[in-house]
């Protein structure tokens, strides 16, 4: 296990440079991931992506499976793994796009990097390193120099699998809580309806 910096293992690119509001267009050529498309569990809500026409002449850097989207602007600097997005999908300028360098594909799991960026040590680093007054942000150089602990590939795989199990359990528990709340609401409504009928 060694301590290194993030920039040694991933390339970091900026989101597509939209200027102003991203407008919906049925004739658009690109889907766009925006911050509002990331749910509380860090998953991309693919069915809510905006289809739009790309302004300007910049060639789009289409998202690929196992890219990592890092929220660079705002107070919540978290990472999300790209899984099943539609073809021709890009991210907004609020993100950096991280991609494991080809020479390290056999050494590093993108999902492990994503997990580590969301843990307390990295989050403390981002809190201390954020810049700006009206809108705080993380600069590319700061992200490149993020301290990064790299265990062997087997250990990375074990941690990723453990994290997947934990997230699955959380979703299951949350669904059970939601179902119980709906059940109690239905019981309360039924009681009130019976009461009103007797008045």
N, C-alpha and C. Protein backbone atom coordinates (compact mmCIF):
# COMPACT_ATOMS: atom_id res chain seq x y z
N UNK A 1 0.85 -1.19 0.00
CA UNK A 1 0.00 0.00 0.00
C UNK A 1 0.88 1.24 0.00
N UNK A 2 0.54 2.20 -0.85
CA UNK A 2 1.35 3.42 -0.91
C UNK A 2 0.48 4.65 -0.97
N UNK A 3 1.06 5.76 -0.55
CA UNK A 3 0.37 7.05 -0.64
C UNK A 3 0.93 7.82 -1.82
N UNK A 4 0.06 8.31 -2.66
CA UNK A 4 0.48 9.02 -3.86
C UNK A 4 -0.48 10.20 -4.07
N UNK A 5 -0.52 10.72 -5.29
CA UNK A 5 -1.49 11.78 -5.59
C UNK A 5 -2.37 11.33 -6.77
N UNK A 6 -3.56 11.85 -6.80
CA UNK A 6 -4.57 11.41 -7.76
C UNK A 6 -4.12 11.59 -9.21
N UNK A 7 -3.47 12.73 -9.49
CA UNK A 7 -3.10 13.07 -10.86
C UNK A 7 -2.14 12.09 -11.52
N UNK A 8 -1.47 11.25 -10.75
CA UNK A 8 -0.57 10.25 -11.34
C UNK A 8 -1.35 9.15 -12.05
N UNK A 9 -2.59 8.96 -11.64
CA UNK A 9 -3.35 7.80 -12.12
C UNK A 9 -4.55 8.14 -12.98
N UNK A 10 -4.99 9.39 -12.96
CA UNK A 10 -6.15 9.77 -13.77
C UNK A 10 -5.85 11.03 -14.58
N UNK A 11 -6.48 11.11 -15.75
CA UNK A 11 -6.49 12.37 -16.49
C UNK A 11 -7.73 13.14 -16.06
N UNK A 12 -7.63 14.45 -16.02
CA UNK A 12 -8.72 15.28 -15.53
C UNK A 12 -9.11 16.30 -16.60
N UNK A 13 -10.36 16.26 -17.01
CA UNK A 13 -10.86 17.20 -18.00
C UNK A 13 -12.03 17.99 -17.46
N UNK A 14 -12.31 19.12 -18.06
CA UNK A 14 -13.43 19.97 -17.63
C UNK A 14 -14.70 19.56 -18.34
N UNK A 15 -15.85 19.91 -17.75
CA UNK A 15 -17.13 19.69 -18.40
C UNK A 15 -17.26 20.58 -19.62
N UNK A 16 -18.28 20.32 -20.43
CA UNK A 16 -18.48 21.10 -21.65
C UNK A 16 -18.78 22.56 -21.28
N UNK A 17 -18.15 23.52 -21.96
CA UNK A 17 -18.26 24.93 -21.58
C UNK A 17 -19.56 25.61 -22.02
N UNK A 18 -20.67 25.20 -21.44
CA UNK A 18 -21.92 25.92 -21.70
C UNK A 18 -21.84 27.31 -21.09
N UNK A 19 -22.46 28.29 -21.74
CA UNK A 19 -22.53 29.64 -21.19
C UNK A 19 -23.98 29.94 -20.91
N UNK A 20 -24.34 29.89 -19.66
CA UNK A 20 -25.73 30.14 -19.31
C UNK A 20 -26.52 28.85 -19.22
N UNK A 21 -27.82 29.00 -19.35
CA UNK A 21 -28.76 27.91 -19.15
C UNK A 21 -28.62 26.84 -20.24
N UNK A 22 -28.75 25.58 -19.82
CA UNK A 22 -28.73 24.47 -20.77
C UNK A 22 -30.16 24.21 -21.21
N UNK A 23 -30.44 24.50 -22.47
CA UNK A 23 -31.81 24.44 -22.97
C UNK A 23 -32.15 23.06 -23.53
N UNK A 24 -33.36 22.61 -23.27
CA UNK A 24 -33.86 21.36 -23.83
C UNK A 24 -34.12 21.53 -25.32
N UNK A 25 -33.69 20.54 -26.11
CA UNK A 25 -33.93 20.58 -27.56
C UNK A 25 -34.17 19.16 -28.05
N UNK A 26 -35.33 18.93 -28.67
CA UNK A 26 -35.63 17.60 -29.18
C UNK A 26 -34.76 17.24 -30.38
N UNK A 27 -34.15 18.26 -31.00
CA UNK A 27 -33.24 18.01 -32.11
C UNK A 27 -31.78 18.00 -31.64
N UNK A 28 -31.58 17.98 -30.33
CA UNK A 28 -30.23 18.04 -29.78
C UNK A 28 -29.41 16.79 -30.08
N UNK A 29 -28.08 16.94 -29.98
CA UNK A 29 -27.18 15.83 -30.28
C UNK A 29 -26.49 15.28 -29.03
N UNK A 30 -26.76 15.87 -27.86
CA UNK A 30 -26.05 15.44 -26.65
C UNK A 30 -26.96 15.46 -25.43
N UNK A 31 -26.79 14.46 -24.59
CA UNK A 31 -27.39 14.47 -23.26
C UNK A 31 -26.38 15.09 -22.30
N UNK A 32 -26.90 15.80 -21.29
CA UNK A 32 -26.01 16.50 -20.35
C UNK A 32 -26.29 16.07 -18.92
N UNK A 33 -25.24 15.68 -18.21
CA UNK A 33 -25.35 15.40 -16.78
C UNK A 33 -25.12 16.71 -16.03
N UNK A 34 -26.10 17.12 -15.23
CA UNK A 34 -25.98 18.30 -14.38
C UNK A 34 -26.05 17.86 -12.92
N UNK A 35 -25.69 18.76 -12.02
CA UNK A 35 -25.66 18.40 -10.60
C UNK A 35 -27.01 17.88 -10.14
N UNK A 36 -28.09 18.44 -10.65
CA UNK A 36 -29.43 18.02 -10.23
C UNK A 36 -29.75 16.59 -10.66
N UNK A 37 -28.92 16.03 -11.57
CA UNK A 37 -29.15 14.66 -12.03
C UNK A 37 -28.44 13.62 -11.17
N UNK A 38 -27.78 14.06 -10.10
CA UNK A 38 -27.11 13.15 -9.18
C UNK A 38 -27.99 12.99 -7.95
N UNK A 39 -28.39 11.75 -7.64
CA UNK A 39 -29.29 11.55 -6.50
C UNK A 39 -28.52 11.46 -5.18
N UNK A 40 -29.25 11.26 -4.09
CA UNK A 40 -28.65 11.25 -2.75
C UNK A 40 -27.65 10.12 -2.56
N UNK A 41 -27.80 9.06 -3.35
CA UNK A 41 -26.88 7.92 -3.26
C UNK A 41 -25.69 8.05 -4.20
N UNK A 42 -25.59 9.19 -4.88
CA UNK A 42 -24.48 9.39 -5.80
C UNK A 42 -24.66 8.70 -7.14
N UNK A 43 -25.89 8.36 -7.49
CA UNK A 43 -26.17 7.72 -8.78
C UNK A 43 -26.66 8.77 -9.78
N UNK A 44 -26.33 8.55 -11.05
CA UNK A 44 -26.81 9.45 -12.10
C UNK A 44 -28.22 9.04 -12.52
N UNK A 45 -29.14 9.99 -12.47
CA UNK A 45 -30.53 9.73 -12.87
C UNK A 45 -30.61 9.86 -14.39
N UNK A 46 -30.33 8.77 -15.08
CA UNK A 46 -30.18 8.82 -16.54
C UNK A 46 -31.48 9.19 -17.26
N UNK A 47 -32.62 8.88 -16.64
CA UNK A 47 -33.90 9.20 -17.29
C UNK A 47 -34.27 10.67 -17.14
N UNK A 48 -33.46 11.46 -16.44
CA UNK A 48 -33.75 12.88 -16.25
C UNK A 48 -32.74 13.79 -16.95
N UNK A 49 -31.86 13.22 -17.75
CA UNK A 49 -30.85 14.02 -18.43
C UNK A 49 -31.49 14.91 -19.50
N UNK A 50 -30.90 16.08 -19.69
CA UNK A 50 -31.41 17.03 -20.69
C UNK A 50 -30.76 16.77 -22.05
N UNK A 51 -31.59 16.66 -23.09
CA UNK A 51 -31.09 16.57 -24.46
C UNK A 51 -30.98 17.99 -25.01
N UNK A 52 -29.82 18.34 -25.54
CA UNK A 52 -29.61 19.72 -25.95
C UNK A 52 -28.72 19.82 -27.18
N UNK A 53 -28.74 21.00 -27.81
CA UNK A 53 -27.81 21.31 -28.89
C UNK A 53 -26.55 21.92 -28.27
N UNK A 54 -25.40 21.52 -28.76
CA UNK A 54 -24.15 22.02 -28.20
C UNK A 54 -23.76 23.35 -28.84
N UNK A 55 -23.55 24.38 -27.99
CA UNK A 55 -23.10 25.67 -28.53
C UNK A 55 -21.60 25.64 -28.80
N UNK A 56 -21.15 26.52 -29.65
CA UNK A 56 -19.71 26.63 -29.88
C UNK A 56 -19.16 25.52 -30.76
N UNK A 57 -17.84 25.53 -30.92
CA UNK A 57 -17.18 24.60 -31.82
C UNK A 57 -16.34 23.56 -31.08
N UNK A 58 -16.35 23.57 -29.76
CA UNK A 58 -15.54 22.63 -29.00
C UNK A 58 -16.02 21.20 -29.25
N UNK A 59 -15.08 20.32 -29.53
CA UNK A 59 -15.42 18.91 -29.74
C UNK A 59 -15.78 18.28 -28.39
N UNK A 60 -16.95 17.64 -28.30
CA UNK A 60 -17.38 17.10 -27.01
C UNK A 60 -16.53 15.91 -26.57
N UNK A 61 -16.27 15.82 -25.27
CA UNK A 61 -15.56 14.69 -24.69
C UNK A 61 -16.62 13.76 -24.10
N UNK A 62 -17.10 12.84 -24.91
CA UNK A 62 -18.21 11.98 -24.50
C UNK A 62 -17.82 11.15 -23.28
N UNK A 63 -18.77 11.00 -22.36
CA UNK A 63 -18.53 10.19 -21.17
C UNK A 63 -18.47 8.72 -21.53
N UNK A 64 -17.57 8.01 -20.84
CA UNK A 64 -17.42 6.57 -21.01
C UNK A 64 -17.72 5.86 -19.69
N UNK A 65 -18.10 4.60 -19.77
CA UNK A 65 -18.30 3.81 -18.56
C UNK A 65 -17.02 3.82 -17.73
N UNK A 66 -17.17 3.99 -16.41
CA UNK A 66 -16.06 4.05 -15.45
C UNK A 66 -15.32 5.39 -15.44
N UNK A 67 -15.83 6.39 -16.16
CA UNK A 67 -15.38 7.75 -15.90
C UNK A 67 -15.91 8.14 -14.51
N UNK A 68 -15.29 9.14 -13.93
CA UNK A 68 -15.73 9.65 -12.62
C UNK A 68 -16.06 11.13 -12.79
N UNK A 69 -17.24 11.52 -12.33
CA UNK A 69 -17.63 12.92 -12.34
C UNK A 69 -17.43 13.49 -10.95
N UNK A 70 -16.65 14.56 -10.87
CA UNK A 70 -16.36 15.21 -9.59
C UNK A 70 -16.98 16.60 -9.58
N UNK A 71 -17.84 16.86 -8.60
CA UNK A 71 -18.47 18.18 -8.49
C UNK A 71 -17.44 19.18 -7.98
N UNK A 72 -17.03 20.09 -8.86
CA UNK A 72 -15.94 21.02 -8.53
C UNK A 72 -16.45 22.34 -7.99
N UNK A 73 -17.71 22.67 -8.24
CA UNK A 73 -18.24 23.97 -7.82
C UNK A 73 -19.33 23.77 -6.78
N UNK A 74 -19.26 24.61 -5.73
CA UNK A 74 -20.22 24.49 -4.64
C UNK A 74 -19.59 23.86 -3.42
N UNK A 75 -20.40 23.65 -2.41
CA UNK A 75 -19.88 23.16 -1.12
C UNK A 75 -19.88 21.63 -1.01
N UNK A 76 -20.49 20.96 -1.97
CA UNK A 76 -20.55 19.50 -1.93
C UNK A 76 -19.66 18.93 -3.03
N UNK A 77 -18.42 18.62 -2.68
CA UNK A 77 -17.44 18.16 -3.67
C UNK A 77 -17.32 16.64 -3.63
N UNK A 78 -18.31 15.99 -4.24
CA UNK A 78 -18.36 14.54 -4.22
C UNK A 78 -18.15 13.97 -5.62
N UNK A 79 -17.90 12.66 -5.66
CA UNK A 79 -17.60 11.98 -6.91
C UNK A 79 -18.69 10.96 -7.23
N UNK A 80 -18.94 10.77 -8.53
CA UNK A 80 -19.96 9.83 -9.01
C UNK A 80 -19.37 8.99 -10.14
N UNK A 81 -19.61 7.69 -10.08
CA UNK A 81 -19.11 6.81 -11.13
C UNK A 81 -20.11 6.76 -12.29
N UNK A 82 -19.59 6.89 -13.51
CA UNK A 82 -20.43 6.78 -14.70
C UNK A 82 -20.63 5.31 -15.03
N UNK A 83 -21.90 4.91 -15.16
CA UNK A 83 -22.20 3.50 -15.46
C UNK A 83 -22.96 3.38 -16.77
N UNK A 84 -24.26 3.55 -16.71
CA UNK A 84 -25.10 3.29 -17.89
C UNK A 84 -25.74 4.56 -18.43
N UNK A 85 -24.94 5.51 -18.86
CA UNK A 85 -25.50 6.72 -19.46
C UNK A 85 -25.73 6.48 -20.94
N UNK A 86 -26.65 7.24 -21.57
CA UNK A 86 -26.87 7.09 -23.01
C UNK A 86 -25.61 7.45 -23.80
N UNK A 87 -25.56 6.98 -25.05
CA UNK A 87 -24.48 7.42 -25.94
C UNK A 87 -24.57 8.93 -26.13
N UNK A 88 -23.42 9.54 -26.43
CA UNK A 88 -23.35 10.99 -26.65
C UNK A 88 -23.83 11.76 -25.42
N UNK A 89 -23.24 11.43 -24.28
CA UNK A 89 -23.52 12.15 -23.04
C UNK A 89 -22.26 12.89 -22.59
N UNK A 90 -22.45 14.13 -22.16
CA UNK A 90 -21.36 14.94 -21.63
C UNK A 90 -21.76 15.42 -20.25
N UNK A 91 -20.86 16.14 -19.58
CA UNK A 91 -21.20 16.72 -18.28
C UNK A 91 -21.10 18.24 -18.35
N UNK A 92 -21.80 18.90 -17.46
CA UNK A 92 -21.82 20.36 -17.41
C UNK A 92 -20.50 20.90 -16.83
N UNK A 93 -20.28 22.22 -16.91
CA UNK A 93 -19.02 22.80 -16.42
C UNK A 93 -18.85 22.73 -14.90
N UNK A 94 -19.87 22.31 -14.18
CA UNK A 94 -19.75 22.19 -12.72
C UNK A 94 -18.93 20.98 -12.31
N UNK A 95 -18.63 20.11 -13.30
CA UNK A 95 -17.89 18.88 -13.02
C UNK A 95 -16.49 18.90 -13.62
N UNK A 96 -15.60 18.10 -13.00
CA UNK A 96 -14.41 17.62 -13.69
C UNK A 96 -14.69 16.17 -14.07
N UNK A 97 -14.19 15.77 -15.23
CA UNK A 97 -14.30 14.37 -15.67
C UNK A 97 -12.97 13.68 -15.43
N UNK A 98 -12.96 12.66 -14.60
CA UNK A 98 -11.74 11.90 -14.30
C UNK A 98 -11.77 10.58 -15.05
N UNK A 99 -10.64 10.21 -15.63
CA UNK A 99 -10.54 8.94 -16.36
C UNK A 99 -9.20 8.28 -16.05
N UNK A 100 -9.26 7.02 -15.64
CA UNK A 100 -8.01 6.31 -15.33
C UNK A 100 -7.13 6.28 -16.57
N UNK A 101 -5.86 6.63 -16.40
CA UNK A 101 -4.93 6.62 -17.53
C UNK A 101 -4.74 5.20 -18.04
N UNK A 102 -4.66 5.02 -19.38
CA UNK A 102 -4.60 3.67 -19.96
C UNK A 102 -3.52 2.78 -19.35
N UNK A 103 -2.38 3.38 -19.01
CA UNK A 103 -1.27 2.57 -18.48
C UNK A 103 -1.53 2.07 -17.06
N UNK A 104 -2.62 2.57 -16.44
CA UNK A 104 -2.92 2.16 -15.06
C UNK A 104 -4.22 1.36 -14.96
N UNK A 105 -4.81 1.00 -16.10
CA UNK A 105 -6.08 0.26 -16.06
C UNK A 105 -5.96 -1.07 -15.33
N UNK A 106 -4.77 -1.66 -15.34
CA UNK A 106 -4.57 -2.94 -14.67
C UNK A 106 -4.22 -2.78 -13.19
N UNK A 107 -3.99 -1.54 -12.76
CA UNK A 107 -3.55 -1.29 -11.39
C UNK A 107 -4.61 -0.63 -10.51
N UNK A 108 -5.53 0.10 -11.14
CA UNK A 108 -6.45 0.93 -10.37
C UNK A 108 -7.89 0.71 -10.84
N UNK A 109 -8.79 0.55 -9.88
CA UNK A 109 -10.22 0.49 -10.18
C UNK A 109 -10.82 1.88 -10.07
N UNK A 110 -11.49 2.32 -11.14
CA UNK A 110 -12.13 3.64 -11.10
C UNK A 110 -13.13 3.72 -9.95
N UNK A 111 -13.83 2.64 -9.70
CA UNK A 111 -14.83 2.63 -8.63
C UNK A 111 -14.18 2.82 -7.27
N UNK A 112 -12.95 2.31 -7.11
CA UNK A 112 -12.21 2.50 -5.86
C UNK A 112 -11.81 3.96 -5.69
N UNK A 113 -11.35 4.58 -6.78
CA UNK A 113 -11.01 6.00 -6.73
C UNK A 113 -12.23 6.82 -6.33
N UNK A 114 -13.35 6.54 -6.97
CA UNK A 114 -14.59 7.25 -6.68
C UNK A 114 -14.95 7.11 -5.20
N UNK A 115 -14.88 5.89 -4.71
CA UNK A 115 -15.17 5.63 -3.29
C UNK A 115 -14.26 6.46 -2.38
N UNK A 116 -12.96 6.46 -2.68
CA UNK A 116 -12.01 7.15 -1.81
C UNK A 116 -12.21 8.67 -1.82
N UNK A 117 -12.58 9.22 -2.98
CA UNK A 117 -12.81 10.66 -3.05
C UNK A 117 -13.99 11.10 -2.18
N UNK A 118 -14.90 10.18 -1.91
CA UNK A 118 -16.08 10.51 -1.09
C UNK A 118 -15.87 10.24 0.40
N UNK A 119 -14.69 9.74 0.77
CA UNK A 119 -14.44 9.45 2.18
C UNK A 119 -13.90 10.67 2.92
N UNK A 120 -13.95 10.62 4.24
CA UNK A 120 -13.66 11.78 5.08
C UNK A 120 -12.29 12.40 4.83
N UNK A 121 -11.19 11.63 4.71
CA UNK A 121 -9.88 12.28 4.49
C UNK A 121 -9.85 13.17 3.25
N UNK A 122 -10.38 12.66 2.12
CA UNK A 122 -10.41 13.47 0.90
C UNK A 122 -11.36 14.64 1.05
N UNK A 123 -12.49 14.43 1.70
CA UNK A 123 -13.46 15.51 1.87
C UNK A 123 -12.88 16.63 2.74
N UNK A 124 -12.10 16.28 3.75
CA UNK A 124 -11.43 17.31 4.58
C UNK A 124 -10.45 18.10 3.73
N UNK A 125 -9.72 17.41 2.88
CA UNK A 125 -8.76 18.06 1.98
C UNK A 125 -9.47 19.06 1.07
N UNK A 126 -10.61 18.68 0.51
CA UNK A 126 -11.35 19.58 -0.37
C UNK A 126 -11.90 20.78 0.39
N UNK A 127 -12.37 20.56 1.61
CA UNK A 127 -12.90 21.66 2.42
C UNK A 127 -11.83 22.70 2.69
N UNK A 128 -10.64 22.24 3.01
CA UNK A 128 -9.52 23.15 3.30
C UNK A 128 -9.02 23.84 2.03
N UNK A 129 -9.08 23.14 0.90
CA UNK A 129 -8.48 23.63 -0.35
C UNK A 129 -9.42 24.45 -1.22
N UNK A 130 -10.72 24.46 -0.90
CA UNK A 130 -11.69 25.19 -1.72
C UNK A 130 -11.38 26.67 -1.76
N UNK A 131 -11.64 27.31 -2.89
CA UNK A 131 -11.37 28.73 -3.07
C UNK A 131 -12.62 29.46 -3.54
N UNK A 132 -12.66 30.76 -3.26
CA UNK A 132 -13.78 31.58 -3.71
C UNK A 132 -14.61 32.05 -2.54
N UNK A 133 -15.35 33.12 -2.77
CA UNK A 133 -16.20 33.68 -1.72
C UNK A 133 -17.68 33.52 -2.07
N UNK A 134 -18.10 34.05 -3.24
CA UNK A 134 -19.50 33.91 -3.64
C UNK A 134 -19.82 32.47 -4.03
N UNK A 135 -18.91 31.84 -4.76
CA UNK A 135 -19.10 30.44 -5.12
C UNK A 135 -17.76 29.71 -4.96
N UNK A 136 -17.69 28.85 -3.95
CA UNK A 136 -16.44 28.13 -3.72
C UNK A 136 -16.26 27.05 -4.77
N UNK A 137 -15.02 26.72 -5.06
CA UNK A 137 -14.75 25.71 -6.07
C UNK A 137 -13.40 25.06 -5.81
N UNK A 138 -13.19 23.91 -6.43
CA UNK A 138 -11.93 23.18 -6.37
C UNK A 138 -11.23 23.35 -7.72
N UNK A 139 -10.01 23.85 -7.70
CA UNK A 139 -9.25 24.01 -8.93
C UNK A 139 -8.73 22.65 -9.41
N UNK A 140 -8.46 22.55 -10.70
CA UNK A 140 -7.94 21.32 -11.29
C UNK A 140 -6.64 20.90 -10.62
N UNK A 141 -5.75 21.85 -10.36
CA UNK A 141 -4.46 21.55 -9.74
C UNK A 141 -4.65 20.95 -8.36
N UNK A 142 -5.61 21.49 -7.61
CA UNK A 142 -5.90 20.97 -6.27
C UNK A 142 -6.38 19.53 -6.37
N UNK A 143 -7.26 19.26 -7.34
CA UNK A 143 -7.78 17.90 -7.52
C UNK A 143 -6.66 16.94 -7.92
N UNK A 144 -5.78 17.39 -8.81
CA UNK A 144 -4.66 16.55 -9.23
C UNK A 144 -3.78 16.15 -8.05
N UNK A 145 -3.65 17.04 -7.07
CA UNK A 145 -2.75 16.81 -5.94
C UNK A 145 -3.46 16.20 -4.73
N UNK A 146 -4.68 15.72 -4.92
CA UNK A 146 -5.40 15.07 -3.83
C UNK A 146 -4.62 13.87 -3.33
N UNK A 147 -4.31 13.80 -2.03
CA UNK A 147 -3.63 12.62 -1.48
C UNK A 147 -4.47 11.37 -1.71
N UNK A 148 -3.80 10.31 -2.12
CA UNK A 148 -4.51 9.12 -2.57
C UNK A 148 -3.78 7.87 -2.10
N UNK A 149 -4.48 7.00 -1.37
CA UNK A 149 -3.88 5.77 -0.88
C UNK A 149 -4.23 4.63 -1.83
N UNK A 150 -3.22 3.94 -2.32
CA UNK A 150 -3.42 2.90 -3.32
C UNK A 150 -2.97 1.54 -2.80
N UNK A 151 -3.92 0.70 -2.38
CA UNK A 151 -3.58 -0.68 -2.01
C UNK A 151 -3.48 -1.55 -3.27
N UNK A 152 -3.18 -2.83 -3.08
CA UNK A 152 -3.11 -3.73 -4.23
C UNK A 152 -4.50 -3.92 -4.83
N UNK A 153 -4.52 -4.46 -6.05
CA UNK A 153 -5.77 -4.56 -6.81
C UNK A 153 -6.79 -5.43 -6.09
N UNK A 154 -6.34 -6.50 -5.44
CA UNK A 154 -7.25 -7.39 -4.73
C UNK A 154 -7.95 -6.66 -3.58
N UNK A 155 -7.18 -5.85 -2.86
CA UNK A 155 -7.76 -5.08 -1.75
C UNK A 155 -8.76 -4.05 -2.27
N UNK A 156 -8.42 -3.38 -3.38
CA UNK A 156 -9.36 -2.44 -3.99
C UNK A 156 -10.69 -3.13 -4.31
N UNK A 157 -10.59 -4.32 -4.89
CA UNK A 157 -11.79 -5.06 -5.28
C UNK A 157 -12.63 -5.41 -4.06
N UNK A 158 -11.99 -5.83 -2.97
CA UNK A 158 -12.71 -6.17 -1.74
C UNK A 158 -13.44 -4.95 -1.18
N UNK A 159 -12.76 -3.81 -1.18
CA UNK A 159 -13.37 -2.58 -0.64
C UNK A 159 -14.56 -2.16 -1.50
N UNK A 160 -14.41 -2.23 -2.81
CA UNK A 160 -15.50 -1.86 -3.72
C UNK A 160 -16.70 -2.78 -3.51
N UNK A 161 -16.46 -4.08 -3.39
CA UNK A 161 -17.56 -5.03 -3.17
C UNK A 161 -18.25 -4.78 -1.84
N UNK A 162 -17.47 -4.45 -0.81
CA UNK A 162 -18.04 -4.14 0.50
C UNK A 162 -18.91 -2.89 0.42
N UNK A 163 -18.42 -1.89 -0.32
CA UNK A 163 -19.18 -0.65 -0.49
C UNK A 163 -20.49 -0.91 -1.23
N UNK A 164 -20.44 -1.73 -2.27
CA UNK A 164 -21.66 -2.07 -3.01
C UNK A 164 -22.69 -2.73 -2.10
N UNK A 165 -22.21 -3.65 -1.26
CA UNK A 165 -23.13 -4.33 -0.33
C UNK A 165 -23.74 -3.34 0.65
N UNK A 166 -22.91 -2.42 1.15
CA UNK A 166 -23.39 -1.43 2.11
C UNK A 166 -24.46 -0.54 1.47
N UNK A 167 -24.22 -0.10 0.23
CA UNK A 167 -25.18 0.76 -0.46
C UNK A 167 -26.48 0.01 -0.73
N UNK A 168 -26.37 -1.27 -1.07
CA UNK A 168 -27.56 -2.08 -1.31
C UNK A 168 -28.39 -2.21 -0.04
N UNK A 169 -27.71 -2.41 1.10
CA UNK A 169 -28.40 -2.51 2.38
C UNK A 169 -29.10 -1.21 2.73
N UNK A 170 -28.42 -0.08 2.50
CA UNK A 170 -29.00 1.23 2.80
C UNK A 170 -30.27 1.45 1.97
N UNK A 171 -30.20 1.11 0.67
CA UNK A 171 -31.38 1.28 -0.20
C UNK A 171 -32.53 0.39 0.27
N UNK A 172 -32.20 -0.84 0.69
CA UNK A 172 -33.23 -1.75 1.17
C UNK A 172 -33.89 -1.21 2.42
N UNK A 173 -33.08 -0.76 3.38
CA UNK A 173 -33.62 -0.20 4.62
C UNK A 173 -34.47 1.04 4.36
N UNK A 174 -33.98 1.91 3.48
CA UNK A 174 -34.74 3.12 3.15
C UNK A 174 -36.09 2.79 2.51
N UNK A 175 -36.09 1.75 1.66
CA UNK A 175 -37.34 1.33 1.03
C UNK A 175 -38.31 0.77 2.06
N UNK A 176 -37.78 0.01 3.04
CA UNK A 176 -38.62 -0.52 4.11
C UNK A 176 -39.23 0.60 4.95
N UNK A 177 -38.40 1.62 5.25
CA UNK A 177 -38.89 2.77 6.03
C UNK A 177 -39.98 3.50 5.26
N UNK A 178 -39.74 3.71 3.95
CA UNK A 178 -40.74 4.41 3.12
C UNK A 178 -42.04 3.62 3.05
N UNK A 179 -41.92 2.29 2.89
CA UNK A 179 -43.12 1.45 2.84
C UNK A 179 -43.91 1.51 4.14
N UNK A 180 -43.20 1.49 5.28
CA UNK A 180 -43.87 1.56 6.57
C UNK A 180 -44.56 2.91 6.76
N UNK A 181 -43.90 3.98 6.31
CA UNK A 181 -44.52 5.30 6.41
C UNK A 181 -45.80 5.38 5.57
N UNK A 182 -45.75 4.80 4.37
CA UNK A 182 -46.95 4.78 3.51
C UNK A 182 -48.06 3.96 4.17
N UNK A 183 -47.68 2.86 4.80
CA UNK A 183 -48.66 2.01 5.49
C UNK A 183 -49.34 2.78 6.62
N UNK A 184 -48.53 3.50 7.42
CA UNK A 184 -49.08 4.26 8.54
C UNK A 184 -49.96 5.40 8.04
N UNK A 185 -49.57 6.03 6.94
CA UNK A 185 -50.39 7.10 6.36
C UNK A 185 -51.73 6.56 5.90
N UNK A 186 -51.71 5.38 5.29
CA UNK A 186 -52.96 4.76 4.83
C UNK A 186 -53.87 4.43 6.01
N UNK A 187 -53.29 3.92 7.10
CA UNK A 187 -54.07 3.60 8.30
C UNK A 187 -54.70 4.87 8.88
N UNK A 188 -53.90 5.95 8.95
CA UNK A 188 -54.40 7.21 9.49
C UNK A 188 -55.54 7.75 8.63
N UNK A 189 -55.38 7.69 7.30
CA UNK A 189 -56.44 8.17 6.39
C UNK A 189 -57.72 7.36 6.56
N UNK A 190 -57.56 6.05 6.70
CA UNK A 190 -58.72 5.18 6.88
C UNK A 190 -59.47 5.50 8.17
N UNK A 191 -58.71 5.72 9.23
CA UNK A 191 -59.33 6.06 10.52
C UNK A 191 -60.09 7.38 10.43
N UNK A 192 -59.50 8.38 9.78
CA UNK A 192 -60.14 9.69 9.66
C UNK A 192 -61.40 9.59 8.82
N UNK A 193 -61.34 8.79 7.74
CA UNK A 193 -62.53 8.62 6.89
C UNK A 193 -63.67 7.97 7.67
N UNK A 194 -63.33 6.99 8.49
CA UNK A 194 -64.37 6.34 9.30
C UNK A 194 -64.96 7.30 10.32
N UNK A 195 -64.07 8.14 10.90
CA UNK A 195 -64.52 9.12 11.89
C UNK A 195 -65.47 10.11 11.26
N UNK A 196 -65.11 10.59 10.05
CA UNK A 196 -65.95 11.59 9.36
C UNK A 196 -67.33 11.01 9.01
N UNK A 197 -67.34 9.73 8.67
CA UNK A 197 -68.63 9.10 8.33
C UNK A 197 -69.56 8.99 9.53
N UNK A 198 -68.94 8.90 10.72
CA UNK A 198 -69.74 8.75 11.95
C UNK A 198 -70.19 10.08 12.56
N UNK A 199 -69.67 11.16 11.98
CA UNK A 199 -70.04 12.48 12.53
C UNK A 199 -71.35 12.94 11.91
